[in-house]
């Protein structure tokens, strides 16, 4: 009888200890999962932005899309006046964009938007609206040197923007230095 009691006691202690350890590990992993995605630069500031086009813009001709509204501009590295993100520190960044057009009047229109860094093509996206609302986008992980500029161009046509729906946007964040 003492053996059975001791066995039950040890089993309870082992189960409780194992459960407590598992809960502790789960809490630790939960904290890791909640770690901020936006990284701080070596100088201590966050670097991330999210900007969108607030109105319909016509007649692009290999021009920059100036995303004139920001939802987030941590580190103030995105310029709403020029549409450019300027890397404040050397690092690896995630950049993404999306654009939209409603081409009811030009059924065979094809548009290409391109993410560029210092004039070099990094990623492109293509749409062929064919009379419907069409969206395309892309993203890239790039190594930027402090002062390099990233921006999005479109080869022609019109780009749809609206502040309430935000279909055309440009985002980025420092992943690590």
Protein backbone atom coordinates (compact mmCIF):
# COMPACT_ATOMS: atom_id res chain seq x y z
CA UNK A 1 0.00 0.00 0.00
CA UNK A 2 2.87 2.37 0.81
CA UNK A 3 4.36 1.57 -2.58
CA UNK A 4 1.12 2.46 -4.38
CA UNK A 5 0.82 5.70 -2.37
CA UNK A 6 4.45 6.65 -3.11
CA UNK A 7 3.98 5.81 -6.81
CA UNK A 8 0.84 8.01 -7.00
CA UNK A 9 2.61 10.82 -5.12
CA UNK A 10 5.64 10.74 -7.47
CA UNK A 11 3.41 10.53 -10.53
CA UNK A 12 1.50 13.61 -9.34
CA UNK A 13 4.71 15.54 -8.64
CA UNK A 14 6.17 14.54 -12.04
CA UNK A 15 2.97 15.45 -13.90
CA UNK A 16 2.66 18.79 -12.08
CA UNK A 17 6.32 19.61 -12.66
CA UNK A 18 6.12 18.63 -16.33
CA UNK A 19 2.95 20.68 -16.78
CA UNK A 20 4.54 23.69 -15.06
CA UNK A 21 7.62 23.39 -17.25
CA UNK A 22 5.46 23.08 -20.37
CA UNK A 23 3.45 26.15 -19.35
CA UNK A 24 6.69 28.04 -18.72
CA UNK A 25 8.04 27.07 -22.13
CA UNK A 26 4.74 28.00 -23.78
CA UNK A 27 4.79 31.40 -22.08
CA UNK A 28 8.40 31.93 -23.16
CA UNK A 29 7.54 31.01 -26.76
CA UNK A 30 4.49 33.27 -26.63
CA UNK A 31 6.72 36.15 -25.58
CA UNK A 32 9.09 35.35 -28.46
CA UNK A 33 6.12 35.28 -30.86
CA UNK A 34 5.14 38.73 -29.66
CA UNK A 35 8.58 40.20 -30.23
CA UNK A 36 8.29 43.29 -32.39
CA UNK A 37 8.77 42.71 -36.10
CA UNK A 38 9.89 46.30 -36.61
CA UNK A 39 13.51 46.47 -35.56
CA UNK A 40 15.27 49.31 -33.84
CA UNK A 41 18.27 50.77 -35.55
CA UNK A 42 21.59 50.87 -33.75
CA UNK A 43 20.72 54.42 -32.77
CA UNK A 44 17.61 53.08 -31.02
CA UNK A 45 14.78 54.22 -33.31
CA UNK A 46 12.23 52.05 -35.10
CA UNK A 47 12.29 52.04 -38.89
CA UNK A 48 9.07 51.14 -40.72
CA UNK A 49 6.60 52.84 -43.02
CA UNK A 50 3.28 52.25 -44.70
CA UNK A 51 2.05 54.77 -47.26
CA UNK A 52 -0.87 54.78 -49.68
CA UNK A 53 -2.15 56.73 -52.66
CA UNK A 54 -5.12 58.83 -51.60
CA UNK A 55 -6.55 59.75 -55.01
CA UNK A 56 -6.79 58.66 -58.64
CA UNK A 57 -3.70 59.75 -60.61
CA UNK A 58 -3.68 59.87 -64.42
CA UNK A 59 -1.14 59.84 -67.23
CA UNK A 60 1.90 58.17 -65.72
CA UNK A 61 4.92 57.89 -67.99
CA UNK A 62 7.62 55.98 -66.10
CA UNK A 63 6.96 58.29 -63.17
CA UNK A 64 7.26 57.64 -59.45
CA UNK A 65 4.04 56.93 -57.64
CA UNK A 66 3.94 59.48 -54.85
CA UNK A 67 2.11 57.70 -52.05
CA UNK A 68 0.83 60.86 -50.43
CA UNK A 69 -0.61 59.50 -47.17
CA UNK A 70 1.06 57.55 -44.39
CA UNK A 71 -0.40 55.15 -41.89
CA UNK A 72 2.99 54.65 -40.25
CA UNK A 73 6.31 56.43 -40.63
CA UNK A 74 8.52 55.24 -37.78
CA UNK A 75 11.91 56.90 -38.15
CA UNK A 76 10.54 59.47 -40.65
CA UNK A 77 12.41 57.83 -43.52
CA UNK A 78 9.50 57.92 -45.99
CA UNK A 79 8.91 61.23 -47.80
CA UNK A 80 5.25 61.82 -48.75
CA UNK A 81 6.26 64.65 -51.08
CA UNK A 82 8.62 62.59 -53.26
CA UNK A 83 7.35 59.02 -52.76
CA UNK A 84 10.82 57.90 -51.68
CA UNK A 85 12.01 55.84 -48.73
CA UNK A 86 15.57 56.77 -47.75
CA UNK A 87 17.41 54.15 -45.70
CA UNK A 88 18.46 55.86 -42.46
CA UNK A 89 20.91 53.07 -41.58
CA UNK A 90 22.68 50.21 -43.35
CA UNK A 91 20.56 47.10 -43.09
CA UNK A 92 18.34 44.47 -44.62
CA UNK A 93 14.84 45.76 -45.34
CA UNK A 94 11.55 44.24 -46.44
CA UNK A 95 9.86 46.41 -49.09
CA UNK A 96 6.49 45.76 -50.73
CA UNK A 97 4.05 47.54 -53.01
CA UNK A 98 0.69 47.09 -54.67
CA UNK A 99 -1.13 49.14 -57.29
CA UNK A 100 -4.56 49.14 -58.91
CA UNK A 101 -6.21 50.41 -62.06
CA UNK A 102 -9.73 50.43 -63.46
CA UNK A 103 -9.23 50.60 -67.22
CA UNK A 104 -12.74 50.70 -68.62
CA UNK A 105 -11.75 52.73 -71.66
CA UNK A 106 -8.59 50.88 -72.76
CA UNK A 107 -9.34 47.14 -72.99
CA UNK A 108 -5.83 46.04 -74.03
CA UNK A 109 -3.91 48.17 -71.51
CA UNK A 110 -0.95 46.61 -69.76
CA UNK A 111 0.81 48.38 -66.89
CA UNK A 112 4.03 47.55 -65.10
CA UNK A 113 4.94 48.96 -61.71
CA UNK A 114 8.52 48.57 -60.56
CA UNK A 115 10.21 48.78 -57.18
CA UNK A 116 13.57 50.49 -57.63
CA UNK A 117 16.52 51.19 -55.37
CA UNK A 118 18.80 53.99 -56.54
CA UNK A 119 17.41 53.56 -60.06
CA UNK A 120 17.97 49.78 -60.20
CA UNK A 121 15.03 47.43 -60.73
CA UNK A 122 14.41 45.22 -57.70
CA UNK A 123 10.93 43.78 -58.38
CA UNK A 124 8.07 44.37 -60.80
CA UNK A 125 4.35 43.64 -61.05
CA UNK A 126 2.07 43.68 -64.09
CA UNK A 127 -1.65 44.22 -64.56
CA UNK A 128 -3.93 43.88 -67.59
CA UNK A 129 -7.24 45.38 -66.40
CA UNK A 130 -9.35 44.41 -69.46
CA UNK A 131 -12.23 46.57 -68.27
CA UNK A 132 -12.09 45.45 -64.64
CA UNK A 133 -10.46 46.57 -61.44
CA UNK A 134 -7.11 44.82 -61.34
CA UNK A 135 -4.37 44.82 -58.73
CA UNK A 136 -0.82 43.54 -58.65
CA UNK A 137 2.09 43.84 -56.29
CA UNK A 138 5.37 42.40 -55.23
CA UNK A 139 7.85 42.40 -52.36
CA UNK A 140 11.56 42.00 -51.87
CA UNK A 141 14.13 41.70 -49.13
CA UNK A 142 17.02 44.02 -49.97
CA UNK A 143 20.26 45.17 -48.42
CA UNK A 144 20.32 48.99 -48.35
CA UNK A 145 23.18 51.31 -47.57
CA UNK A 146 22.41 54.41 -45.52
CA UNK A 147 21.10 57.11 -47.87
CA UNK A 148 19.91 54.79 -50.65
CA UNK A 149 16.45 55.60 -51.96
CA UNK A 150 13.68 53.10 -52.74
CA UNK A 151 10.57 54.03 -54.70
CA UNK A 152 7.92 52.65 -57.07
CA UNK A 153 7.42 53.71 -60.71
CA UNK A 154 4.67 52.89 -63.19
CA UNK A 155 5.29 52.76 -66.93
CA UNK A 156 2.07 54.41 -68.08
CA UNK A 157 -1.65 54.82 -67.69
CA UNK A 158 -3.59 55.69 -64.58
CA UNK A 159 -3.33 54.43 -61.01
CA UNK A 160 -6.31 54.20 -58.69
CA UNK A 161 -6.02 55.55 -55.18
CA UNK A 162 -8.61 56.30 -52.55
CA UNK A 163 -8.07 57.16 -48.91
CA UNK A 164 -10.94 55.02 -47.67
CA UNK A 165 -9.89 51.81 -49.43
CA UNK A 166 -6.11 52.08 -49.81
CA UNK A 167 -5.56 49.65 -52.69
CA UNK A 168 -2.34 51.30 -53.89
CA UNK A 169 0.37 51.24 -51.24
CA UNK A 170 4.11 51.05 -50.48
CA UNK A 171 5.46 49.59 -47.23
CA UNK A 172 8.81 48.75 -45.70
CA UNK A 173 10.61 47.85 -42.50
CA UNK A 174 14.12 47.24 -41.27
CA UNK A 175 14.56 43.53 -40.63
CA UNK A 176 18.09 43.65 -39.21
CA UNK A 177 21.36 45.54 -39.38
